[in-house]
Amino acid sequence: MLRAFTFPGIKRYSKSIWKSFKVEFREIEESISEAKNEVTEELQLASEQEAASFRRLLTAEADEIRGFRVTQVAEIQENRAFRSQQALALQRSDARLIQKILAEEGNPLYPSKSTFGTK
């Protein structure tokens, strides 16, 4: 009989205490819930701002790298053009030197200056 009295009594007592706790501390519970929601929103906003800042940083770095690459490509093309001009000038110089040597040796394909006008 004690067991039957004790279990339902404790259950009723705990329910009545819980109801009074809920009523008594409802405002505090709501205030805590609102504060939790505010903190969650602030964290979300801070996270979004940090992500936007990081995206701007990445975009700025990508633009800087792109500009560097454009400059590099321009310099490479300029160097190629210069090397081509130098190679062409060297070929012309070599051709003139060969003509001069052949002219000095008296090669019939390349008549020397002394053979012009003699006949």
PDB file of N, CA and C in Angstrom:
ATOM      1  N   MET A   1       0.816  -1.189   0.000  1.00  0.00           N
ATOM      2  CA  MET A   1       0.000   0.000   0.000  1.00  0.00           C
ATOM      3  C   MET A   1       0.874   1.273   0.000  1.00  0.00           C
ATOM      4  N   LEU A   2       1.972   1.253   0.677  1.00  0.00           N
ATOM      5  CA  LEU A   2       2.877   2.390   0.697  1.00  0.00           C
ATOM      6  C   LEU A   2       3.418   2.683  -0.701  1.00  0.00           C
ATOM      7  N   ARG A   3       3.684   1.599  -1.412  1.00  0.00           N
ATOM      8  CA  ARG A   3       4.218   1.746  -2.776  1.00  0.00           C
ATOM      9  C   ARG A   3       3.202   2.418  -3.697  1.00  0.00           C
ATOM     10  N   ALA A   4       2.011   2.052  -3.658  1.00  0.00           N
ATOM     11  CA  ALA A   4       0.962   2.624  -4.483  1.00  0.00           C
ATOM     12  C   ALA A   4       0.750   4.089  -4.122  1.00  0.00           C
ATOM     13  N   PHE A   5       0.868   4.430  -2.885  1.00  0.00           N
ATOM     14  CA  PHE A   5       0.683   5.801  -2.453  1.00  0.00           C
ATOM     15  C   PHE A   5       1.874   6.675  -2.858  1.00  0.00           C
ATOM     16  N   THR A   6       3.060   6.132  -2.747  1.00  0.00           N
ATOM     17  CA  THR A   6       4.268   6.903  -2.965  1.00  0.00           C
ATOM     18  C   THR A   6       4.476   7.237  -4.445  1.00  0.00           C
ATOM     19  N   PHE A   7       4.385   6.309  -5.340  1.00  0.00           N
ATOM     20  CA  PHE A   7       4.686   6.534  -6.750  1.00  0.00           C
ATOM     21  C   PHE A   7       3.764   7.573  -7.373  1.00  0.00           C
ATOM     22  N   PRO A   8       2.434   7.390  -7.317  1.00  0.00           N
ATOM     23  CA  PRO A   8       1.571   8.413  -7.904  1.00  0.00           C
ATOM     24  C   PRO A   8       1.717   9.756  -7.183  1.00  0.00           C
ATOM     25  N   GLY A   9       1.976   9.751  -5.914  1.00  0.00           N
ATOM     26  CA  GLY A   9       2.133  10.997  -5.169  1.00  0.00           C
ATOM     27  C   GLY A   9       3.363  11.761  -5.615  1.00  0.00           C
ATOM     28  N   ILE A  10       4.428  11.049  -5.793  1.00  0.00           N
ATOM     29  CA  ILE A  10       5.658  11.700  -6.263  1.00  0.00           C
ATOM     30  C   ILE A  10       5.456  12.228  -7.670  1.00  0.00           C
ATOM     31  N   LYS A  11       4.774  11.468  -8.486  1.00  0.00           N
ATOM     32  CA  LYS A  11       4.546  11.885  -9.867  1.00  0.00           C
ATOM     33  C   LYS A  11       3.713  13.163  -9.900  1.00  0.00           C
ATOM     34  N   ARG A  12       2.608  13.200  -9.096  1.00  0.00           N
ATOM     35  CA  ARG A  12       1.764  14.385  -9.039  1.00  0.00           C
ATOM     36  C   ARG A  12       2.536  15.575  -8.481  1.00  0.00           C
ATOM     37  N   TYR A  13       3.312  15.334  -7.467  1.00  0.00           N
ATOM     38  CA  TYR A  13       4.080  16.395  -6.830  1.00  0.00           C
ATOM     39  C   TYR A  13       5.101  16.999  -7.812  1.00  0.00           C
ATOM     40  N   SER A  14       5.801  16.103  -8.551  1.00  0.00           N
ATOM     41  CA  SER A  14       6.792  16.605  -9.516  1.00  0.00           C
ATOM     42  C   SER A  14       6.113  17.381 -10.642  1.00  0.00           C
ATOM     43  N   LYS A  15       4.920  16.938 -11.081  1.00  0.00           N
ATOM     44  CA  LYS A  15       4.196  17.673 -12.125  1.00  0.00           C
ATOM     45  C   LYS A  15       3.765  19.045 -11.629  1.00  0.00           C
ATOM     46  N   SER A  16       3.296  19.105 -10.404  1.00  0.00           N
ATOM     47  CA  SER A  16       2.851  20.398  -9.880  1.00  0.00           C
ATOM     48  C   SER A  16       4.029  21.350  -9.694  1.00  0.00           C
ATOM     49  N   ILE A  17       5.166  20.806  -9.274  1.00  0.00           N
ATOM     50  CA  ILE A  17       6.360  21.649  -9.121  1.00  0.00           C
ATOM     51  C   ILE A  17       6.812  22.145 -10.495  1.00  0.00           C
ATOM     52  N   TRP A  18       6.813  21.263 -11.469  1.00  0.00           N
ATOM     53  CA  TRP A  18       7.255  21.643 -12.811  1.00  0.00           C
ATOM     54  C   TRP A  18       6.341  22.716 -13.396  1.00  0.00           C
ATOM     55  N   LYS A  19       5.025  22.581 -13.197  1.00  0.00           N
ATOM     56  CA  LYS A  19       4.082  23.586 -13.700  1.00  0.00           C
ATOM     57  C   LYS A  19       4.343  24.928 -13.042  1.00  0.00           C
ATOM     58  N   SER A  20       4.560  24.937 -11.770  1.00  0.00           N
ATOM     59  CA  SER A  20       4.816  26.206 -11.103  1.00  0.00           C
ATOM     60  C   SER A  20       6.159  26.783 -11.551  1.00  0.00           C
ATOM     61  N   PHE A  21       7.149  25.922 -11.786  1.00  0.00           N
ATOM     62  CA  PHE A  21       8.452  26.384 -12.291  1.00  0.00           C
ATOM     63  C   PHE A  21       8.279  27.028 -13.663  1.00  0.00           C
ATOM     64  N   LYS A  22       7.519  26.379 -14.534  1.00  0.00           N
ATOM     65  CA  LYS A  22       7.293  26.901 -15.884  1.00  0.00           C
ATOM     66  C   LYS A  22       6.588  28.246 -15.821  1.00  0.00           C
ATOM     67  N   VAL A  23       5.602  28.367 -14.960  1.00  0.00           N
ATOM     68  CA  VAL A  23       4.861  29.621 -14.849  1.00  0.00           C
ATOM     69  C   VAL A  23       5.759  30.702 -14.246  1.00  0.00           C
ATOM     70  N   GLU A  24       6.458  30.357 -13.193  1.00  0.00           N
ATOM     71  CA  GLU A  24       7.269  31.330 -12.468  1.00  0.00           C
ATOM     72  C   GLU A  24       8.454  31.833 -13.291  1.00  0.00           C
ATOM     73  N   PHE A  25       9.082  30.947 -14.039  1.00  0.00           N
ATOM     74  CA  PHE A  25      10.309  31.315 -14.764  1.00  0.00           C
ATOM     75  C   PHE A  25      10.099  31.457 -16.280  1.00  0.00           C
ATOM     76  N   ARG A  26       8.836  31.575 -16.699  1.00  0.00           N
ATOM     77  CA  ARG A  26       8.533  31.680 -18.122  1.00  0.00           C
ATOM     78  C   ARG A  26       9.233  32.896 -18.736  1.00  0.00           C
ATOM     79  N   GLU A  27       9.181  34.029 -18.112  1.00  0.00           N
ATOM     80  CA  GLU A  27       9.807  35.245 -18.650  1.00  0.00           C
ATOM     81  C   GLU A  27      11.319  35.078 -18.775  1.00  0.00           C
ATOM     82  N   ILE A  28      11.927  34.498 -17.769  1.00  0.00           N
ATOM     83  CA  ILE A  28      13.384  34.277 -17.818  1.00  0.00           C
ATOM     84  C   ILE A  28      13.719  33.303 -18.940  1.00  0.00           C
ATOM     85  N   GLU A  29      12.939  32.247 -19.059  1.00  0.00           N
ATOM     86  CA  GLU A  29      13.164  31.256 -20.120  1.00  0.00           C
ATOM     87  C   GLU A  29      13.016  31.896 -21.500  1.00  0.00           C
ATOM     88  N   GLU A  30      11.992  32.740 -21.661  1.00  0.00           N
ATOM     89  CA  GLU A  30      11.793  33.427 -22.945  1.00  0.00           C
ATOM     90  C   GLU A  30      12.927  34.403 -23.220  1.00  0.00           C
ATOM     91  N   SER A  31      13.360  35.101 -22.177  1.00  0.00           N
ATOM     92  CA  SER A  31      14.472  36.038 -22.322  1.00  0.00           C
ATOM     93  C   SER A  31      15.754  35.310 -22.740  1.00  0.00           C
ATOM     94  N   ILE A  32      16.009  34.180 -22.111  1.00  0.00           N
ATOM     95  CA  ILE A  32      17.193  33.379 -22.468  1.00  0.00           C
ATOM     96  C   ILE A  32      17.072  32.877 -23.906  1.00  0.00           C
ATOM     97  N   SER A  33      15.887  32.451 -24.289  1.00  0.00           N
ATOM     98  CA  SER A  33      15.673  31.966 -25.654  1.00  0.00           C
ATOM     99  C   SER A  33      15.890  33.090 -26.668  1.00  0.00           C
ATOM    100  N   GLU A  34      15.389  34.295 -26.359  1.00  0.00           N
ATOM    101  CA  GLU A  34      15.590  35.433 -27.259  1.00  0.00           C
ATOM    102  C   GLU A  34      17.065  35.801 -27.348  1.00  0.00           C
ATOM    103  N   ALA A  35      17.747  35.779 -26.211  1.00  0.00           N
ATOM    104  CA  ALA A  35      19.190  36.085 -26.206  1.00  0.00           C
ATOM    105  C   ALA A  35      19.947  35.051 -27.022  1.00  0.00           C
ATOM    106  N   LYS A  36      19.550  33.794 -26.898  1.00  0.00           N
ATOM    107  CA  LYS A  36      20.194  32.729 -27.677  1.00  0.00           C
ATOM    108  C   LYS A  36      19.977  32.977 -29.174  1.00  0.00           C
ATOM    109  N   ASN A  37      18.763  33.367 -29.548  1.00  0.00           N
ATOM    110  CA  ASN A  37      18.478  33.651 -30.962  1.00  0.00           C
ATOM    111  C   ASN A  37      19.290  34.844 -31.454  1.00  0.00           C
ATOM    112  N   GLU A  38      19.412  35.878 -30.613  1.00  0.00           N
ATOM    113  CA  GLU A  38      20.218  37.042 -30.985  1.00  0.00           C
ATOM    114  C   GLU A  38      21.677  36.663 -31.205  1.00  0.00           C
ATOM    115  N   VAL A  39      22.215  35.870 -30.282  1.00  0.00           N
ATOM    116  CA  VAL A  39      23.616  35.444 -30.405  1.00  0.00           C
ATOM    117  C   VAL A  39      23.800  34.615 -31.669  1.00  0.00           C
ATOM    118  N   THR A  40      22.849  33.746 -31.960  1.00  0.00           N
ATOM    119  CA  THR A  40      22.924  32.923 -33.169  1.00  0.00           C
ATOM    120  C   THR A  40      22.904  33.800 -34.416  1.00  0.00           C
ATOM    121  N   GLU A  41      22.027  34.811 -34.428  1.00  0.00           N
ATOM    122  CA  GLU A  41      21.972  35.728 -35.574  1.00  0.00           C
ATOM    123  C   GLU A  41      23.268  36.520 -35.718  1.00  0.00           C
ATOM    124  N   GLU A  42      23.825  36.986 -34.595  1.00  0.00           N
ATOM    125  CA  GLU A  42      25.087  37.730 -34.630  1.00  0.00           C
ATOM    126  C   GLU A  42      26.223  36.858 -35.160  1.00  0.00           C
ATOM    127  N   LEU A  43      26.255  35.613 -34.704  1.00  0.00           N
ATOM    128  CA  LEU A  43      27.278  34.682 -35.197  1.00  0.00           C
ATOM    129  C   LEU A  43      27.122  34.447 -36.690  1.00  0.00           C
ATOM    130  N   GLN A  44      25.899  34.299 -37.135  1.00  0.00           N
ATOM    131  CA  GLN A  44      25.644  34.089 -38.563  1.00  0.00           C
ATOM    132  C   GLN A  44      26.092  35.302 -39.364  1.00  0.00           C
ATOM    133  N   LEU A  45      25.758  36.507 -38.872  1.00  0.00           N
ATOM    134  CA  LEU A  45      26.147  37.739 -39.546  1.00  0.00           C
ATOM    135  C   LEU A  45      27.667  37.874 -39.595  1.00  0.00           C
ATOM    136  N   ALA A  46      28.319  37.609 -38.464  1.00  0.00           N
ATOM    137  CA  ALA A  46      29.788  37.693 -38.419  1.00  0.00           C
ATOM    138  C   ALA A  46      30.413  36.685 -39.380  1.00  0.00           C
ATOM    139  N   SER A  47      29.833  35.501 -39.439  1.00  0.00           N
ATOM    140  CA  SER A  47      30.346  34.473 -40.346  1.00  0.00           C
ATOM    141  C   SER A  47      30.191  34.905 -41.799  1.00  0.00           C
ATOM    142  N   GLU A  48      29.044  35.481 -42.128  1.00  0.00           N
ATOM    143  CA  GLU A  48      28.809  35.947 -43.497  1.00  0.00           C
ATOM    144  C   GLU A  48      29.743  37.102 -43.850  1.00  0.00           C
ATOM    145  N   GLN A  49      29.962  38.008 -42.892  1.00  0.00           N
ATOM    146  CA  GLN A  49      30.875  39.124 -43.145  1.00  0.00           C
ATOM    147  C   GLN A  49      32.300  38.627 -43.350  1.00  0.00           C
ATOM    148  N   GLU A  50      32.712  37.662 -42.554  1.00  0.00           N
ATOM    149  CA  GLU A  50      34.061  37.104 -42.701  1.00  0.00           C
ATOM    150  C   GLU A  50      34.203  36.392 -44.045  1.00  0.00           C
ATOM    151  N   ALA A  51      33.173  35.668 -44.451  1.00  0.00           N
ATOM    152  CA  ALA A  51      33.206  34.989 -45.751  1.00  0.00           C
ATOM    153  C   ALA A  51      33.290  36.009 -46.889  1.00  0.00           C
ATOM    154  N   ALA A  52      32.535  37.109 -46.768  1.00  0.00           N
ATOM    155  CA  ALA A  52      32.572  38.148 -47.805  1.00  0.00           C
ATOM    156  C   ALA A  52      33.952  38.801 -47.848  1.00  0.00           C
ATOM    157  N   SER A  53      34.518  39.039 -46.692  1.00  0.00           N
ATOM    158  CA  SER A  53      35.857  39.629 -46.629  1.00  0.00           C
ATOM    159  C   SER A  53      36.892  38.693 -47.250  1.00  0.00           C
ATOM    160  N   PHE A  54      36.770  37.416 -46.965  1.00  0.00           N
ATOM    161  CA  PHE A  54      37.698  36.426 -47.530  1.00  0.00           C
ATOM    162  C   PHE A  54      37.548  36.359 -49.042  1.00  0.00           C
ATOM    163  N   ARG A  55      36.298  36.423 -49.540  1.00  0.00           N
ATOM    164  CA  ARG A  55      36.076  36.414 -50.991  1.00  0.00           C
ATOM    165  C   ARG A  55      36.703  37.647 -51.639  1.00  0.00           C
ATOM    166  N   ARG A  56      36.573  38.810 -50.987  1.00  0.00           N
ATOM    167  CA  ARG A  56      37.199  40.026 -51.531  1.00  0.00           C
ATOM    168  C   ARG A  56      38.717  39.869 -51.574  1.00  0.00           C
ATOM    169  N   LEU A  57      39.274  39.293 -50.516  1.00  0.00           N
ATOM    170  CA  LEU A  57      40.720  39.074 -50.479  1.00  0.00           C
ATOM    171  C   LEU A  57      41.156  38.139 -51.604  1.00  0.00           C
ATOM    172  N   LEU A  58      40.432  37.049 -51.782  1.00  0.00           N
ATOM    173  CA  LEU A  58      40.762  36.111 -52.859  1.00  0.00           C
ATOM    174  C   LEU A  58      40.630  36.766 -54.226  1.00  0.00           C
ATOM    175  N   THR A  59      39.590  37.574 -54.396  1.00  0.00           N
ATOM    176  CA  THR A  59      39.393  38.268 -55.665  1.00  0.00           C
ATOM    177  C   THR A  59      40.538  39.237 -55.933  1.00  0.00           C
ATOM    178  N   ALA A  60      40.950  39.968 -54.888  1.00  0.00           N
ATOM    179  CA  ALA A  60      42.067  40.911 -55.045  1.00  0.00           C
ATOM    180  C   ALA A  60      43.354  40.165 -55.395  1.00  0.00           C
ATOM    181  N   GLU A  61      43.595  39.037 -54.732  1.00  0.00           N
ATOM    182  CA  GLU A  61      44.794  38.248 -55.040  1.00  0.00           C
ATOM    183  C   GLU A  61      44.731  37.697 -56.463  1.00  0.00           C
ATOM    184  N   ALA A  62      43.558  37.227 -56.869  1.00  0.00           N
ATOM    185  CA  ALA A  62      43.410  36.698 -58.234  1.00  0.00           C
ATOM    186  C   ALA A  62      43.657  37.795 -59.261  1.00  0.00           C
ATOM    187  N   ASP A  63      43.143  39.005 -58.988  1.00  0.00           N
ATOM    188  CA  ASP A  63      43.373  40.129 -59.906  1.00  0.00           C
ATOM    189  C   ASP A  63      44.853  40.475 -59.968  1.00  0.00           C
ATOM    190  N   GLU A  64      45.505  40.450 -58.817  1.00  0.00           N
ATOM    191  CA  GLU A  64      46.943  40.748 -58.783  1.00  0.00           C
ATOM    192  C   GLU A  64      47.734  39.702 -59.567  1.00  0.00           C
ATOM    193  N   ILE A  65      47.384  38.450 -59.393  1.00  0.00           N
ATOM    194  CA  ILE A  65      48.066  37.371 -60.115  1.00  0.00           C
ATOM    195  C   ILE A  65      47.802  37.496 -61.614  1.00  0.00           C
ATOM    196  N   ARG A  66      46.562  37.824 -61.967  1.00  0.00           N
ATOM    197  CA  ARG A  66      46.209  37.988 -63.384  1.00  0.00           C
ATOM    198  C   ARG A  66      47.032  39.120 -64.000  1.00  0.00           C
ATOM    199  N   GLY A  67      47.156  40.234 -63.282  1.00  0.00           N
ATOM    200  CA  GLY A  67      47.958  41.352 -63.766  1.00  0.00           C
ATOM    201  C   GLY A  67      49.417  40.974 -63.915  1.00  0.00           C
ATOM    202  N   PHE A  68      49.927  40.217 -62.947  1.00  0.00           N
ATOM    203  CA  PHE A  68      51.313  39.753 -63.018  1.00  0.00           C
ATOM    204  C   PHE A  68      51.515  38.861 -64.234  1.00  0.00           C
ATOM    205  N   ARG A  69      50.553  37.969 -64.481  1.00  0.00           N
ATOM    206  CA  ARG A  69      50.663  37.071 -65.636  1.00  0.00           C
ATOM    207  C   ARG A  69      50.626  37.854 -66.944  1.00  0.00           C
ATOM    208  N   VAL A  70      49.767  38.856 -67.025  1.00  0.00           N
ATOM    209  CA  VAL A  70      49.700  39.679 -68.241  1.00  0.00           C
ATOM    210  C   VAL A  70      51.039  40.363 -68.466  1.00  0.00           C
ATOM    211  N   THR A  71      51.609  40.904 -67.390  1.00  0.00           N
ATOM    212  CA  THR A  71      52.919  41.550 -67.490  1.00  0.00           C
ATOM    213  C   THR A  71      53.979  40.544 -67.923  1.00  0.00           C
ATOM    214  N   GLN A  72      53.928  39.361 -67.334  1.00  0.00           N
ATOM    215  CA  GLN A  72      54.899  38.314 -67.695  1.00  0.00           C
ATOM    216  C   GLN A  72      54.783  37.949 -69.165  1.00  0.00           C
ATOM    217  N   VAL A  73      53.565  37.749 -69.630  1.00  0.00           N
ATOM    218  CA  VAL A  73      53.356  37.382 -71.031  1.00  0.00           C
ATOM    219  C   VAL A  73      53.895  38.480 -71.945  1.00  0.00           C
ATOM    220  N   ALA A  74      53.623  39.739 -71.586  1.00  0.00           N
ATOM    221  CA  ALA A  74      54.125  40.857 -72.399  1.00  0.00           C
ATOM    222  C   ALA A  74      55.648  40.868 -72.420  1.00  0.00           C
ATOM    223  N   GLU A  75      56.266  40.639 -71.261  1.00  0.00           N
ATOM    224  CA  GLU A  75      57.727  40.608 -71.204  1.00  0.00           C
ATOM    225  C   GLU A  75      58.292  39.434 -72.000  1.00  0.00           C
ATOM    226  N   ILE A  76      57.637  38.291 -71.924  1.00  0.00           N
ATOM    227  CA  ILE A  76      58.091  37.117 -72.684  1.00  0.00           C
ATOM    228  C   ILE A  76      58.008  37.407 -74.183  1.00  0.00           C
ATOM    229  N   GLN A  77      56.900  38.002 -74.617  1.00  0.00           N
ATOM    230  CA  GLN A  77      56.757  38.333 -76.038  1.00  0.00           C
ATOM    231  C   GLN A  77      57.794  39.362 -76.469  1.00  0.00           C
ATOM    232  N   GLU A  78      58.049  40.330 -75.607  1.00  0.00           N
ATOM    233  CA  GLU A  78      59.065  41.338 -75.912  1.00  0.00           C
ATOM    234  C   GLU A  78      60.446  40.685 -76.014  1.00  0.00           C
ATOM    235  N   ASN A  79      60.740  39.785 -75.112  1.00  0.00           N
ATOM    236  CA  ASN A  79      62.030  39.069 -75.156  1.00  0.00           C
ATOM    237  C   ASN A  79      62.155  38.210 -76.405  1.00  0.00           C
ATOM    238  N   ARG A  80      61.071  37.560 -76.794  1.00  0.00           N
ATOM    239  CA  ARG A  80      61.100  36.742 -78.017  1.00  0.00           C
ATOM    240  C   ARG A  80      61.359  37.617 -79.236  1.00  0.00           C
ATOM    241  N   ALA A  81      60.672  38.755 -79.287  1.00  0.00           N
ATOM    242  CA  ALA A  81      60.859  39.661 -80.424  1.00  0.00           C
ATOM    243  C   ALA A  81      62.304  40.162 -80.463  1.00  0.00           C
ATOM    244  N   PHE A  82      62.839  40.507 -79.297  1.00  0.00           N
ATOM    245  CA  PHE A  82      64.223  40.976 -79.237  1.00  0.00           C
ATOM    246  C   PHE A  82      65.186  39.882 -79.671  1.00  0.00           C
ATOM    247  N   ARG A  83      64.948  38.651 -79.187  1.00  0.00           N
ATOM    248  CA  ARG A  83      65.829  37.536 -79.585  1.00  0.00           C
ATOM    249  C   ARG A  83      65.728  37.272 -81.081  1.00  0.00           C
ATOM    250  N   SER A  84      64.532  37.380 -81.636  1.00  0.00           N
ATOM    251  CA  SER A  84      64.370  37.188 -83.081  1.00  0.00           C
ATOM    252  C   SER A  84      65.129  38.255 -83.857  1.00  0.00           C
ATOM    253  N   GLN A  85      65.032  39.500 -83.392  1.00  0.00           N
ATOM    254  CA  GLN A  85      65.770  40.585 -84.057  1.00  0.00           C
ATOM    255  C   GLN A  85      67.272  40.351 -83.954  1.00  0.00           C
ATOM    256  N   GLN A  86      67.728  39.916 -82.796  1.00  0.00           N
ATOM    257  CA  GLN A  86      69.157  39.660 -82.607  1.00  0.00           C
ATOM    258  C   GLN A  86      69.625  38.506 -83.492  1.00  0.00           C
ATOM    259  N   ALA A  87      68.806  37.453 -83.574  1.00  0.00           N
ATOM    260  CA  ALA A  87      69.170  36.310 -84.413  1.00  0.00           C
ATOM    261  C   ALA A  87      69.227  36.729 -85.891  1.00  0.00           C
ATOM    262  N   LEU A  88      68.266  37.542 -86.323  1.00  0.00           N
ATOM    263  CA  LEU A  88      68.251  38.018 -87.702  1.00  0.00           C
ATOM    264  C   LEU A  88      69.462  38.905 -87.982  1.00  0.00           C
ATOM    265  N   ALA A  89      69.784  39.774 -87.044  1.00  0.00           N
ATOM    266  CA  ALA A  89      70.959  40.643 -87.210  1.00  0.00           C
ATOM    267  C   ALA A  89      72.238  39.803 -87.266  1.00  0.00           C
ATOM    268  N   LEU A  90      72.301  38.770 -86.437  1.00  0.00           N
ATOM    269  CA  LEU A  90      73.472  37.884 -86.452  1.00  0.00           C
ATOM    270  C   LEU A  90      73.571  37.145 -87.784  1.00  0.00           C
ATOM    271  N   GLN A  91      72.441  36.673 -88.302  1.00  0.00           N
ATOM    272  CA  GLN A  91      72.450  35.990 -89.596  1.00  0.00           C
ATOM    273  C   GLN A  91      72.917  36.937 -90.702  1.00  0.00           C
ATOM    274  N   ARG A  92      72.442  38.161 -90.686  1.00  0.00           N
ATOM    275  CA  ARG A  92      72.856  39.130 -91.705  1.00  0.00           C
ATOM    276  C   ARG A  92      74.350  39.433 -91.584  1.00  0.00           C
ATOM    277  N   SER A  93      74.799  39.567 -90.347  1.00  0.00           N
ATOM    278  CA  SER A  93      76.219  39.833 -90.124  1.00  0.00           C
ATOM    279  C   SER A  93      77.067  38.657 -90.606  1.00  0.00           C
ATOM    280  N   ASP A  94      76.610  37.442 -90.292  1.00  0.00           N
ATOM    281  CA  ASP A  94      77.335  36.257 -90.752  1.00  0.00           C
ATOM    282  C   ASP A  94      77.339  36.188 -92.283  1.00  0.00           C
ATOM    283  N   ALA A  95      76.207  36.501 -92.911  1.00  0.00           N
ATOM    284  CA  ALA A  95      76.129  36.464 -94.374  1.00  0.00           C
ATOM    285  C   ALA A  95      77.080  37.494 -94.983  1.00  0.00           C
ATOM    286  N   ARG A  96      77.128  38.705 -94.409  1.00  0.00           N
ATOM    287  CA  ARG A  96      78.059  39.720 -94.916  1.00  0.00           C
ATOM    288  C   ARG A  96      79.506  39.267 -94.741  1.00  0.00           C
ATOM    289  N   LEU A  97      79.791  38.640 -93.593  1.00  0.00           N
ATOM    290  CA  LEU A  97      81.152  38.162 -93.354  1.00  0.00           C
ATOM    291  C   LEU A  97      81.533  37.078 -94.359  1.00  0.00           C
ATOM    292  N   ILE A  98      80.606  36.177 -94.618  1.00  0.00           N
ATOM    293  CA  ILE A  98      80.866  35.119 -95.607  1.00  0.00           C
ATOM    294  C   ILE A  98      81.093  35.731 -96.984  1.00  0.00           C
ATOM    295  N   GLN A  99      80.265  36.695 -97.355  1.00  0.00           N
ATOM    296  CA  GLN A  99      80.443  37.358 -98.655  1.00  0.00           C
ATOM    297  C   GLN A  99      81.805  38.043 -98.733  1.00  0.00           C
ATOM    298  N   LYS A 100      82.203  38.669 -97.653  1.00  0.00           N
ATOM    299  CA  LYS A 100      83.488  39.358 -97.631  1.00  0.00           C
ATOM    300  C   LYS A 100      84.636  38.369 -97.788  1.00  0.00           C
ATOM    301  N   ILE A 101      84.562  37.256 -97.060  1.00  0.00           N
ATOM    302  CA  ILE A 101      85.621  36.236 -97.150  1.00  0.00           C
ATOM    303  C   ILE A 101      85.691  35.666 -98.554  1.00  0.00           C
ATOM    304  N   LEU A 102      84.526  35.339 -99.110  1.00  0.00           N
ATOM    305  CA  LEU A 102      84.501  34.781-100.461  1.00  0.00           C
ATOM    306  C   LEU A 102      85.020  35.800-101.480  1.00  0.00           C
ATOM    307  N   ALA A 103      84.682  37.032-101.316  1.00  0.00           N
ATOM    308  CA  ALA A 103      85.144  38.065-102.242  1.00  0.00           C
ATOM    309  C   ALA A 103      86.664  38.204-102.162  1.00  0.00           C
ATOM    310  N   GLU A 104      87.184  38.102-100.940  1.00  0.00           N
ATOM    311  CA  GLU A 104      88.634  38.220-100.760  1.00  0.00           C
ATOM    312  C   GLU A 104      89.371  37.017-101.338  1.00  0.00           C
ATOM    313  N   GLU A 105      88.747  35.864-101.355  1.00  0.00           N
ATOM    314  CA  GLU A 105      89.394  34.657-101.873  1.00  0.00           C
ATOM    315  C   GLU A 105      89.255  34.560-103.386  1.00  0.00           C
ATOM    316  N   GLY A 106      88.476  35.388-103.973  1.00  0.00           N
ATOM    317  CA  GLY A 106      88.330  35.380-105.419  1.00  0.00           C
ATOM    318  C   GLY A 106      87.389  34.318-105.922  1.00  0.00           C
ATOM    319  N   ASN A 107      86.360  34.009-105.241  1.00  0.00           N
ATOM    320  CA  ASN A 107      85.372  33.025-105.657  1.00  0.00           C
ATOM    321  C   ASN A 107      84.617  33.579-106.859  1.00  0.00           C
ATOM    322  N   PRO A 108      84.512  32.786-107.974  1.00  0.00           N
ATOM    323  CA  PRO A 108      83.854  33.287-109.171  1.00  0.00           C
ATOM    324  C   PRO A 108      82.359  33.558-108.961  1.00  0.00           C
ATOM    325  N   LEU A 109      81.735  32.884-107.967  1.00  0.00           N
ATOM    326  CA  LEU A 109      80.323  33.154-107.714  1.00  0.00           C
ATOM    327  C   LEU A 109      80.143  34.525-107.066  1.00  0.00           C
ATOM    328  N   TYR A 110      81.145  34.958-106.337  1.00  0.00           N
ATOM    329  CA  TYR A 110      81.106  36.262-105.676  1.00  0.00           C
ATOM    330  C   TYR A 110      82.290  37.055-106.169  1.00  0.00           C
ATOM    331  N   PRO A 111      82.132  37.776-107.271  1.00  0.00           N
ATOM    332  CA  PRO A 111      83.279  38.516-107.849  1.00  0.00           C
ATOM    333  C   PRO A 111      83.751  39.590-106.881  1.00  0.00           C
ATOM    334  N   SER A 112      85.064  39.716-106.817  1.00  0.00           N
ATOM    335  CA  SER A 112      85.650  40.736-105.950  1.00  0.00           C
ATOM    336  C   SER A 112      85.552  42.097-106.621  1.00  0.00           C
ATOM    337  N   LYS A 113      85.812  43.129-105.862  1.00  0.00           N
ATOM    338  CA  LYS A 113      85.711  44.485-106.384  1.00  0.00           C
ATOM    339  C   LYS A 113      86.776  44.710-107.470  1.00  0.00           C
ATOM    340  N   SER A 114      87.880  44.033-107.328  1.00  0.00           N
ATOM    341  CA  SER A 114      88.950  44.247-108.289  1.00  0.00           C
ATOM    342  C   SER A 114      88.634  43.661-109.665  1.00  0.00           C
ATOM    343  N   THR A 115      87.725  42.697-109.719  1.00  0.00           N
ATOM    344  CA  THR A 115      87.398  42.085-111.012  1.00  0.00           C
ATOM    345  C   THR A 115      86.368  42.874-111.776  1.00  0.00           C
ATOM    346  N   PHE A 116      85.647  43.769-111.057  1.00  0.00           N
ATOM    347  CA  PHE A 116      84.676  44.602-111.758  1.00  0.00           C
ATOM    348  C   PHE A 116      85.431  45.604-112.637  1.00  0.00           C
ATOM    349  N   GLY A 117      84.992  45.786-113.800  1.00  0.00           N
ATOM    350  CA  GLY A 117      85.591  46.778-114.683  1.00  0.00           C
ATOM    351  C   GLY A 117      86.864  46.340-115.337  1.00  0.00           C
ATOM    352  N   THR A 118      87.355  45.114-115.178  1.00  0.00           N
ATOM    353  CA  THR A 118      88.553  44.646-115.844  1.00  0.00           C
ATOM    354  C   THR A 118      88.151  43.716-116.948  1.00  0.00           C
ATOM    355  N   LYS A 119      88.411  43.971-118.075  1.00  0.00           N
ATOM    356  CA  LYS A 119      88.210  43.107-119.238  1.00  0.00           C
ATOM    357  C   LYS A 119      88.641  43.720-120.437  1.00  0.00           C
TER     358      LYS A 119
END
